[in-house]
Amino acid sequence: MDDFETIFHQYKNWVYKTAYLIVRDPHRAEDIMQEVFINAYKSGHTFDPQKGSYRNWLRAITVKQCFARKSKKHQGSFSLDELEEKGLSVADKSPSIPDQVSLKDDMKRLIDSLSPKYRATLLLRYYEGLSYDEIAQVLDIPLGTVKSRINAAVLRLRKTQKETARKNKL
């Protein structure tokens, strides 16, 4: 139990942040975080270090919980400010404060336009830095599906960005 408490404190912010970025609702993300650790505690015996790291095992549980609790009517807004209020800052490498605000708003709208499965795939690739093979393992999908989801998501983001730019010119 002491080991589990240590694991909880080590990973709780990361699990919450991952869930929040997928479901975009702070309350649901908190519920998911709790469910992830309950599941991890109950099924800890299934963790096999030869199949991957403990972090990847938790990541898989987190993503599965997000999809299990997916509901269009409960989707909230994607707010980086709410994340920061919870003490979970997202690194922003934009050059200036006005640009930073604009980029956050633009990225929020773009990410919001994606379905959870595409959002999760992009999150795992670009935010978590996982390889395609690791994403396939975490999401339990074929490697080709990972590649096609990332490609489709990027194309969708570009299309949405172009449409938004065109509307702003009018």
N, C-alpha and C. Protein backbone atom coordinates (compact mmCIF):
# COMPACT_ATOMS: atom_id res chain seq x y z
N MET A 1 0.83 -1.20 0.00
CA MET A 1 0.00 0.00 0.00
C MET A 1 0.87 1.26 0.00
N ASP A 2 2.00 1.23 0.73
CA ASP A 2 2.90 2.38 0.73
C ASP A 2 3.47 2.63 -0.65
N ASP A 3 3.80 1.54 -1.35
CA ASP A 3 4.31 1.68 -2.72
C ASP A 3 3.25 2.31 -3.63
N PHE A 4 2.00 1.89 -3.44
CA PHE A 4 0.93 2.43 -4.28
C PHE A 4 0.73 3.91 -4.00
N GLU A 5 0.83 4.31 -2.75
CA GLU A 5 0.70 5.72 -2.40
C GLU A 5 1.82 6.54 -3.05
N THR A 6 3.01 6.01 -3.06
CA THR A 6 4.14 6.67 -3.71
C THR A 6 3.88 6.79 -5.21
N ILE A 7 3.40 5.73 -5.82
CA ILE A 7 3.08 5.74 -7.25
C ILE A 7 1.99 6.76 -7.53
N PHE A 8 0.97 6.79 -6.69
CA PHE A 8 -0.12 7.76 -6.87
C PHE A 8 0.42 9.18 -6.88
N HIS A 9 1.22 9.53 -5.89
CA HIS A 9 1.75 10.89 -5.80
C HIS A 9 2.72 11.20 -6.94
N GLN A 10 3.41 10.19 -7.43
CA GLN A 10 4.36 10.38 -8.52
C GLN A 10 3.64 10.65 -9.85
N TYR A 11 2.51 9.98 -10.07
CA TYR A 11 1.85 10.03 -11.38
C TYR A 11 0.51 10.78 -11.42
N LYS A 12 -0.04 11.20 -10.29
CA LYS A 12 -1.40 11.76 -10.28
C LYS A 12 -1.54 12.99 -11.18
N ASN A 13 -0.60 13.93 -11.12
CA ASN A 13 -0.71 15.13 -11.96
C ASN A 13 -0.61 14.79 -13.43
N TRP A 14 0.27 13.88 -13.75
CA TRP A 14 0.45 13.47 -15.15
C TRP A 14 -0.80 12.76 -15.68
N VAL A 15 -1.39 11.87 -14.89
CA VAL A 15 -2.61 11.17 -15.31
C VAL A 15 -3.75 12.17 -15.47
N TYR A 16 -3.88 13.09 -14.53
CA TYR A 16 -4.93 14.11 -14.63
C TYR A 16 -4.75 14.94 -15.89
N LYS A 17 -3.54 15.41 -16.14
CA LYS A 17 -3.27 16.26 -17.29
C LYS A 17 -3.56 15.51 -18.59
N THR A 18 -3.16 14.26 -18.68
CA THR A 18 -3.42 13.45 -19.87
C THR A 18 -4.93 13.29 -20.08
N ALA A 19 -5.65 12.97 -19.03
CA ALA A 19 -7.10 12.82 -19.12
C ALA A 19 -7.76 14.14 -19.51
N TYR A 20 -7.31 15.21 -18.89
CA TYR A 20 -7.91 16.52 -19.17
C TYR A 20 -7.72 16.92 -20.63
N LEU A 21 -6.54 16.70 -21.16
CA LEU A 21 -6.28 17.08 -22.54
C LEU A 21 -7.11 16.26 -23.53
N ILE A 22 -7.53 15.07 -23.13
CA ILE A 22 -8.37 14.25 -24.01
C ILE A 22 -9.85 14.59 -23.85
N VAL A 23 -10.33 14.65 -22.61
CA VAL A 23 -11.78 14.85 -22.40
C VAL A 23 -12.18 16.31 -22.28
N ARG A 24 -11.23 17.20 -22.00
CA ARG A 24 -11.47 18.64 -21.95
C ARG A 24 -12.46 19.08 -20.90
N ASP A 25 -12.55 18.35 -19.81
CA ASP A 25 -13.46 18.72 -18.74
C ASP A 25 -12.75 18.41 -17.41
N PRO A 26 -12.56 19.41 -16.56
CA PRO A 26 -11.79 19.18 -15.33
C PRO A 26 -12.42 18.17 -14.37
N HIS A 27 -13.74 18.18 -14.30
CA HIS A 27 -14.41 17.24 -13.38
C HIS A 27 -14.31 15.80 -13.88
N ARG A 28 -14.53 15.63 -15.19
CA ARG A 28 -14.41 14.28 -15.76
C ARG A 28 -12.97 13.80 -15.67
N ALA A 29 -12.01 14.70 -15.89
CA ALA A 29 -10.60 14.31 -15.81
C ALA A 29 -10.25 13.85 -14.39
N GLU A 30 -10.80 14.52 -13.41
CA GLU A 30 -10.55 14.12 -12.02
C GLU A 30 -11.17 12.75 -11.74
N ASP A 31 -12.39 12.54 -12.22
CA ASP A 31 -13.03 11.23 -12.06
C ASP A 31 -12.21 10.14 -12.74
N ILE A 32 -11.75 10.44 -13.94
CA ILE A 32 -10.95 9.47 -14.69
C ILE A 32 -9.67 9.16 -13.95
N MET A 33 -9.03 10.20 -13.41
CA MET A 33 -7.80 9.99 -12.66
C MET A 33 -8.04 9.02 -11.50
N GLN A 34 -9.11 9.21 -10.78
CA GLN A 34 -9.43 8.32 -9.66
C GLN A 34 -9.67 6.90 -10.15
N GLU A 35 -10.42 6.76 -11.24
CA GLU A 35 -10.70 5.43 -11.79
C GLU A 35 -9.43 4.75 -12.28
N VAL A 36 -8.52 5.52 -12.85
CA VAL A 36 -7.25 4.96 -13.34
C VAL A 36 -6.49 4.33 -12.17
N PHE A 37 -6.41 5.04 -11.07
CA PHE A 37 -5.64 4.51 -9.95
C PHE A 37 -6.36 3.37 -9.23
N ILE A 38 -7.67 3.39 -9.23
CA ILE A 38 -8.42 2.24 -8.68
C ILE A 38 -8.16 1.02 -9.56
N ASN A 39 -8.25 1.20 -10.87
CA ASN A 39 -7.97 0.09 -11.79
C ASN A 39 -6.54 -0.39 -11.68
N ALA A 40 -5.60 0.55 -11.57
CA ALA A 40 -4.19 0.18 -11.45
C ALA A 40 -3.95 -0.62 -10.17
N TYR A 41 -4.61 -0.22 -9.10
CA TYR A 41 -4.46 -0.93 -7.83
C TYR A 41 -5.04 -2.35 -7.92
N LYS A 42 -6.25 -2.44 -8.49
CA LYS A 42 -6.92 -3.74 -8.61
C LYS A 42 -6.23 -4.68 -9.58
N SER A 43 -5.66 -4.12 -10.65
CA SER A 43 -5.07 -4.98 -11.68
C SER A 43 -3.55 -4.85 -11.74
N GLY A 44 -2.95 -4.42 -10.65
CA GLY A 44 -1.50 -4.27 -10.60
C GLY A 44 -0.76 -5.55 -10.95
N HIS A 45 -1.36 -6.68 -10.65
CA HIS A 45 -0.72 -7.97 -10.94
C HIS A 45 -0.59 -8.23 -12.44
N THR A 46 -1.33 -7.47 -13.26
CA THR A 46 -1.26 -7.69 -14.71
C THR A 46 -0.13 -6.91 -15.36
N PHE A 47 0.50 -5.99 -14.61
CA PHE A 47 1.60 -5.21 -15.18
C PHE A 47 2.79 -6.13 -15.45
N ASP A 48 3.29 -6.08 -16.68
CA ASP A 48 4.43 -6.89 -17.09
C ASP A 48 5.53 -5.96 -17.58
N PRO A 49 6.61 -5.78 -16.81
CA PRO A 49 7.67 -4.86 -17.21
C PRO A 49 8.33 -5.23 -18.54
N GLN A 50 8.19 -6.47 -18.98
CA GLN A 50 8.77 -6.86 -20.26
C GLN A 50 7.97 -6.31 -21.44
N LYS A 51 6.72 -5.93 -21.19
CA LYS A 51 5.88 -5.38 -22.25
C LYS A 51 5.98 -3.85 -22.33
N GLY A 52 6.60 -3.24 -21.35
CA GLY A 52 6.73 -1.78 -21.36
C GLY A 52 6.87 -1.22 -19.96
N SER A 53 7.02 0.09 -19.90
CA SER A 53 7.21 0.76 -18.62
C SER A 53 5.89 0.87 -17.85
N TYR A 54 6.01 1.14 -16.57
CA TYR A 54 4.83 1.35 -15.74
C TYR A 54 4.06 2.57 -16.22
N ARG A 55 4.80 3.59 -16.63
CA ARG A 55 4.17 4.81 -17.14
C ARG A 55 3.32 4.51 -18.38
N ASN A 56 3.83 3.69 -19.30
CA ASN A 56 3.05 3.32 -20.49
C ASN A 56 1.83 2.49 -20.10
N TRP A 57 1.98 1.64 -19.10
CA TRP A 57 0.84 0.85 -18.62
C TRP A 57 -0.24 1.78 -18.06
N LEU A 58 0.17 2.76 -17.25
CA LEU A 58 -0.79 3.74 -16.72
C LEU A 58 -1.39 4.59 -17.84
N ARG A 59 -0.57 4.92 -18.82
CA ARG A 59 -1.03 5.71 -19.97
C ARG A 59 -2.14 4.95 -20.70
N ALA A 60 -1.95 3.66 -20.90
CA ALA A 60 -2.96 2.85 -21.58
C ALA A 60 -4.26 2.82 -20.77
N ILE A 61 -4.15 2.67 -19.47
CA ILE A 61 -5.35 2.67 -18.61
C ILE A 61 -6.05 4.03 -18.70
N THR A 62 -5.27 5.09 -18.68
CA THR A 62 -5.83 6.45 -18.73
C THR A 62 -6.60 6.68 -20.03
N VAL A 63 -5.97 6.35 -21.15
CA VAL A 63 -6.62 6.57 -22.45
C VAL A 63 -7.88 5.71 -22.56
N LYS A 64 -7.81 4.47 -22.11
CA LYS A 64 -8.99 3.59 -22.17
C LYS A 64 -10.12 4.14 -21.31
N GLN A 65 -9.79 4.68 -20.14
CA GLN A 65 -10.81 5.27 -19.28
C GLN A 65 -11.44 6.50 -19.96
N CYS A 66 -10.61 7.29 -20.63
CA CYS A 66 -11.13 8.47 -21.33
C CYS A 66 -12.13 8.06 -22.40
N PHE A 67 -11.80 7.02 -23.16
CA PHE A 67 -12.71 6.57 -24.21
C PHE A 67 -13.94 5.89 -23.62
N ALA A 68 -13.79 5.21 -22.51
CA ALA A 68 -14.92 4.54 -21.87
C ALA A 68 -15.93 5.57 -21.36
N ARG A 69 -15.45 6.72 -20.95
CA ARG A 69 -16.34 7.75 -20.39
C ARG A 69 -16.70 8.81 -21.41
N LYS A 70 -16.35 8.57 -22.66
CA LYS A 70 -16.61 9.55 -23.73
C LYS A 70 -18.11 9.75 -23.90
N SER A 71 -18.50 11.00 -23.91
CA SER A 71 -19.89 11.33 -24.15
C SER A 71 -19.96 12.74 -24.72
N LYS A 72 -20.51 12.86 -25.90
CA LYS A 72 -20.56 14.17 -26.57
C LYS A 72 -21.28 15.21 -25.72
N LYS A 73 -22.32 14.83 -25.02
CA LYS A 73 -23.08 15.83 -24.27
C LYS A 73 -22.33 16.32 -23.04
N HIS A 74 -21.27 15.61 -22.62
CA HIS A 74 -20.51 16.04 -21.45
C HIS A 74 -19.18 16.68 -21.80
N GLN A 75 -18.90 16.91 -23.07
CA GLN A 75 -17.62 17.52 -23.42
C GLN A 75 -17.62 18.96 -22.97
N GLY A 76 -16.56 19.33 -22.25
CA GLY A 76 -16.39 20.70 -21.80
C GLY A 76 -15.45 21.42 -22.72
N SER A 77 -15.06 22.59 -22.29
CA SER A 77 -14.14 23.34 -23.12
C SER A 77 -12.71 23.02 -22.72
N PHE A 78 -11.83 23.19 -23.65
CA PHE A 78 -10.41 22.94 -23.46
C PHE A 78 -9.79 24.22 -22.98
N SER A 79 -9.51 24.34 -21.69
CA SER A 79 -9.00 25.57 -21.12
C SER A 79 -7.63 25.37 -20.50
N LEU A 80 -6.62 25.99 -21.09
CA LEU A 80 -5.29 25.90 -20.51
C LEU A 80 -5.23 26.66 -19.19
N ASP A 81 -6.06 27.70 -19.05
CA ASP A 81 -6.10 28.44 -17.80
C ASP A 81 -6.56 27.55 -16.65
N GLU A 82 -7.59 26.74 -16.89
CA GLU A 82 -8.07 25.82 -15.86
C GLU A 82 -6.98 24.83 -15.47
N LEU A 83 -6.25 24.36 -16.47
CA LEU A 83 -5.14 23.44 -16.20
C LEU A 83 -4.11 24.11 -15.30
N GLU A 84 -3.77 25.35 -15.62
CA GLU A 84 -2.78 26.07 -14.84
C GLU A 84 -3.28 26.34 -13.43
N GLU A 85 -4.59 26.61 -13.27
CA GLU A 85 -5.16 26.81 -11.94
C GLU A 85 -5.01 25.56 -11.08
N LYS A 86 -5.05 24.40 -11.71
CA LYS A 86 -4.87 23.13 -11.00
C LYS A 86 -3.40 22.85 -10.72
N GLY A 87 -2.52 23.77 -11.14
CA GLY A 87 -1.10 23.57 -10.92
C GLY A 87 -0.44 22.70 -11.96
N LEU A 88 -1.08 22.51 -13.10
CA LEU A 88 -0.55 21.67 -14.16
C LEU A 88 -0.30 22.53 -15.38
N SER A 89 0.85 23.18 -15.42
CA SER A 89 1.12 24.09 -16.52
C SER A 89 1.52 23.32 -17.77
N VAL A 90 1.17 23.90 -18.89
CA VAL A 90 1.54 23.35 -20.18
C VAL A 90 2.60 24.28 -20.75
N ALA A 91 3.76 23.74 -21.07
CA ALA A 91 4.84 24.58 -21.58
C ALA A 91 4.41 25.26 -22.87
N ASP A 92 4.64 26.55 -22.94
CA ASP A 92 4.31 27.32 -24.12
C ASP A 92 5.58 28.02 -24.58
N LYS A 93 6.02 27.77 -25.80
CA LYS A 93 7.27 28.30 -26.29
C LYS A 93 7.05 29.44 -27.28
N SER A 94 5.93 30.12 -27.18
CA SER A 94 5.67 31.21 -28.12
C SER A 94 6.48 32.44 -27.71
N PRO A 95 6.75 33.32 -28.66
CA PRO A 95 7.70 34.38 -28.44
C PRO A 95 7.27 35.52 -27.53
N SER A 96 6.00 35.91 -27.54
CA SER A 96 5.58 37.05 -26.73
C SER A 96 4.21 36.80 -26.14
N ILE A 97 3.84 37.61 -25.16
CA ILE A 97 2.56 37.45 -24.47
C ILE A 97 1.38 37.56 -25.44
N PRO A 98 1.28 38.59 -26.28
CA PRO A 98 0.14 38.64 -27.21
C PRO A 98 0.09 37.43 -28.14
N ASP A 99 1.26 37.04 -28.66
CA ASP A 99 1.31 35.87 -29.52
C ASP A 99 0.91 34.63 -28.75
N GLN A 100 1.35 34.56 -27.50
CA GLN A 100 1.06 33.41 -26.65
C GLN A 100 -0.45 33.24 -26.49
N VAL A 101 -1.16 34.31 -26.19
CA VAL A 101 -2.61 34.26 -26.02
C VAL A 101 -3.28 33.84 -27.31
N SER A 102 -2.85 34.42 -28.41
CA SER A 102 -3.42 34.09 -29.71
C SER A 102 -3.18 32.63 -30.07
N LEU A 103 -1.97 32.15 -29.86
CA LEU A 103 -1.66 30.75 -30.16
C LEU A 103 -2.48 29.80 -29.30
N LYS A 104 -2.64 30.12 -28.01
CA LYS A 104 -3.44 29.27 -27.12
C LYS A 104 -4.88 29.19 -27.64
N ASP A 105 -5.46 30.34 -27.99
CA ASP A 105 -6.83 30.36 -28.48
C ASP A 105 -6.97 29.61 -29.79
N ASP A 106 -6.03 29.85 -30.71
CA ASP A 106 -6.07 29.16 -32.00
C ASP A 106 -5.91 27.65 -31.82
N MET A 107 -4.95 27.25 -30.99
CA MET A 107 -4.71 25.82 -30.77
C MET A 107 -5.91 25.18 -30.09
N LYS A 108 -6.50 25.89 -29.16
CA LYS A 108 -7.69 25.37 -28.47
C LYS A 108 -8.79 25.07 -29.48
N ARG A 109 -9.05 26.02 -30.36
CA ARG A 109 -10.11 25.82 -31.36
C ARG A 109 -9.77 24.66 -32.30
N LEU A 110 -8.52 24.60 -32.72
CA LEU A 110 -8.12 23.52 -33.61
C LEU A 110 -8.24 22.16 -32.95
N ILE A 111 -7.75 22.05 -31.73
CA ILE A 111 -7.82 20.77 -31.02
C ILE A 111 -9.26 20.40 -30.72
N ASP A 112 -10.08 21.39 -30.39
CA ASP A 112 -11.49 21.13 -30.11
C ASP A 112 -12.22 20.57 -31.32
N SER A 113 -11.71 20.86 -32.51
CA SER A 113 -12.38 20.39 -33.72
C SER A 113 -12.15 18.89 -33.97
N LEU A 114 -11.21 18.30 -33.25
CA LEU A 114 -10.89 16.88 -33.45
C LEU A 114 -11.74 15.99 -32.56
N SER A 115 -12.02 14.79 -33.03
CA SER A 115 -12.70 13.80 -32.19
C SER A 115 -11.71 13.29 -31.15
N PRO A 116 -12.19 12.72 -30.05
CA PRO A 116 -11.29 12.25 -28.99
C PRO A 116 -10.24 11.25 -29.46
N LYS A 117 -10.56 10.37 -30.41
CA LYS A 117 -9.57 9.39 -30.83
C LYS A 117 -8.41 10.05 -31.56
N TYR A 118 -8.69 11.09 -32.36
CA TYR A 118 -7.63 11.82 -33.04
C TYR A 118 -6.86 12.70 -32.06
N ARG A 119 -7.60 13.33 -31.15
CA ARG A 119 -6.97 14.18 -30.13
C ARG A 119 -6.02 13.35 -29.26
N ALA A 120 -6.44 12.16 -28.87
CA ALA A 120 -5.59 11.30 -28.04
C ALA A 120 -4.33 10.87 -28.79
N THR A 121 -4.48 10.53 -30.05
CA THR A 121 -3.33 10.11 -30.85
C THR A 121 -2.33 11.25 -30.98
N LEU A 122 -2.81 12.46 -31.27
CA LEU A 122 -1.91 13.61 -31.36
C LEU A 122 -1.27 13.93 -30.03
N LEU A 123 -2.04 13.86 -28.96
CA LEU A 123 -1.52 14.12 -27.63
C LEU A 123 -0.37 13.16 -27.31
N LEU A 124 -0.58 11.89 -27.58
CA LEU A 124 0.46 10.90 -27.30
C LEU A 124 1.70 11.12 -28.16
N ARG A 125 1.51 11.55 -29.39
CA ARG A 125 2.65 11.74 -30.30
C ARG A 125 3.40 13.04 -30.01
N TYR A 126 2.68 14.15 -29.98
CA TYR A 126 3.34 15.44 -29.94
C TYR A 126 3.49 16.02 -28.54
N TYR A 127 2.60 15.68 -27.64
CA TYR A 127 2.72 16.19 -26.27
C TYR A 127 3.53 15.23 -25.41
N GLU A 128 3.25 13.94 -25.52
CA GLU A 128 3.95 12.93 -24.73
C GLU A 128 5.24 12.46 -25.41
N GLY A 129 5.35 12.67 -26.73
CA GLY A 129 6.56 12.31 -27.45
C GLY A 129 6.73 10.82 -27.70
N LEU A 130 5.63 10.09 -27.74
CA LEU A 130 5.72 8.64 -27.97
C LEU A 130 5.97 8.33 -29.44
N SER A 131 6.63 7.23 -29.67
CA SER A 131 6.83 6.76 -31.04
C SER A 131 5.51 6.15 -31.53
N TYR A 132 5.42 5.92 -32.84
CA TYR A 132 4.22 5.31 -33.39
C TYR A 132 3.99 3.93 -32.78
N ASP A 133 5.05 3.17 -32.60
CA ASP A 133 4.93 1.83 -32.00
C ASP A 133 4.38 1.91 -30.58
N GLU A 134 4.87 2.88 -29.80
CA GLU A 134 4.38 3.04 -28.43
C GLU A 134 2.92 3.45 -28.41
N ILE A 135 2.53 4.31 -29.32
CA ILE A 135 1.12 4.73 -29.40
C ILE A 135 0.25 3.53 -29.74
N ALA A 136 0.69 2.72 -30.68
CA ALA A 136 -0.07 1.52 -31.05
C ALA A 136 -0.24 0.61 -29.84
N GLN A 137 0.80 0.48 -29.05
CA GLN A 137 0.73 -0.36 -27.85
C GLN A 137 -0.22 0.23 -26.82
N VAL A 138 -0.10 1.53 -26.56
CA VAL A 138 -0.95 2.18 -25.56
C VAL A 138 -2.42 2.13 -25.96
N LEU A 139 -2.71 2.42 -27.23
CA LEU A 139 -4.10 2.45 -27.68
C LEU A 139 -4.62 1.09 -28.10
N ASP A 140 -3.72 0.12 -28.17
CA ASP A 140 -4.07 -1.24 -28.57
C ASP A 140 -4.71 -1.25 -29.96
N ILE A 141 -4.03 -0.57 -30.89
CA ILE A 141 -4.48 -0.51 -32.27
C ILE A 141 -3.29 -0.81 -33.17
N PRO A 142 -3.54 -1.20 -34.42
CA PRO A 142 -2.43 -1.48 -35.34
C PRO A 142 -1.61 -0.23 -35.65
N LEU A 143 -0.34 -0.44 -35.97
CA LEU A 143 0.57 0.65 -36.31
C LEU A 143 0.03 1.48 -37.47
N GLY A 144 -0.53 0.84 -38.46
CA GLY A 144 -1.10 1.55 -39.60
C GLY A 144 -2.23 2.49 -39.20
N THR A 145 -3.01 2.09 -38.22
CA THR A 145 -4.11 2.92 -37.73
C THR A 145 -3.56 4.16 -37.05
N VAL A 146 -2.48 3.99 -36.28
CA VAL A 146 -1.84 5.14 -35.63
C VAL A 146 -1.40 6.14 -36.69
N LYS A 147 -0.71 5.64 -37.72
CA LYS A 147 -0.22 6.52 -38.78
C LYS A 147 -1.36 7.22 -39.50
N SER A 148 -2.42 6.50 -39.79
CA SER A 148 -3.54 7.12 -40.52
C SER A 148 -4.28 8.13 -39.63
N ARG A 149 -4.40 7.86 -38.33
CA ARG A 149 -5.06 8.81 -37.44
C ARG A 149 -4.26 10.11 -37.33
N ILE A 150 -2.94 9.97 -37.20
CA ILE A 150 -2.11 11.17 -37.10
C ILE A 150 -2.18 11.96 -38.40
N ASN A 151 -2.09 11.27 -39.52
CA ASN A 151 -2.18 11.94 -40.82
C ASN A 151 -3.54 12.62 -40.98
N ALA A 152 -4.61 11.92 -40.66
CA ALA A 152 -5.95 12.49 -40.79
C ALA A 152 -6.13 13.69 -39.86
N ALA A 153 -5.61 13.58 -38.64
CA ALA A 153 -5.73 14.68 -37.67
C ALA A 153 -4.98 15.92 -38.16
N VAL A 154 -3.77 15.72 -38.65
CA VAL A 154 -2.98 16.84 -39.15
C VAL A 154 -3.67 17.49 -40.36
N LEU A 155 -4.19 16.67 -41.26
CA LEU A 155 -4.92 17.21 -42.41
C LEU A 155 -6.15 17.99 -41.95
N ARG A 156 -6.85 17.45 -40.97
CA ARG A 156 -8.04 18.13 -40.44
C ARG A 156 -7.67 19.46 -39.79
N LEU A 157 -6.57 19.47 -39.03
CA LEU A 157 -6.12 20.71 -38.40
C LEU A 157 -5.75 21.76 -39.45
N ARG A 158 -5.05 21.33 -40.49
CA ARG A 158 -4.67 22.27 -41.56
C ARG A 158 -5.91 22.82 -42.26
N LYS A 159 -6.85 21.94 -42.56
CA LYS A 159 -8.08 22.37 -43.24
C LYS A 159 -8.85 23.36 -42.37
N THR A 160 -9.00 23.05 -41.10
CA THR A 160 -9.72 23.92 -40.18
C THR A 160 -9.00 25.27 -40.05
N GLN A 161 -7.67 25.22 -39.99
CA GLN A 161 -6.89 26.45 -39.88
C GLN A 161 -7.07 27.32 -41.13
N LYS A 162 -7.03 26.71 -42.30
CA LYS A 162 -7.22 27.46 -43.55
C LYS A 162 -8.62 28.06 -43.62
N GLU A 163 -9.64 27.28 -43.22
CA GLU A 163 -11.01 27.79 -43.24
C GLU A 163 -11.17 28.96 -42.30
N THR A 164 -10.55 28.86 -41.13
CA THR A 164 -10.63 29.93 -40.14
C THR A 164 -9.93 31.19 -40.68
N ALA A 165 -8.76 31.02 -41.28
CA ALA A 165 -8.02 32.16 -41.84
C ALA A 165 -8.83 32.83 -42.95
N ARG A 166 -9.47 32.02 -43.79
CA ARG A 166 -10.28 32.55 -44.88
C ARG A 166 -11.47 33.34 -44.33
N LYS A 167 -12.13 32.83 -43.30
CA LYS A 167 -13.27 33.53 -42.71
C LYS A 167 -12.83 34.84 -42.06
N ASN A 168 -11.64 34.84 -41.45
CA ASN A 168 -11.15 36.06 -40.79
C ASN A 168 -10.81 37.15 -41.81
N LYS A 169 -10.47 36.76 -43.05
CA LYS A 169 -10.17 37.75 -44.09
C LYS A 169 -11.44 38.43 -44.59
N LEU A 170 -12.55 37.72 -44.51
CA LEU A 170 -13.81 38.27 -45.01
C LEU A 170 -14.31 39.25 -44.04
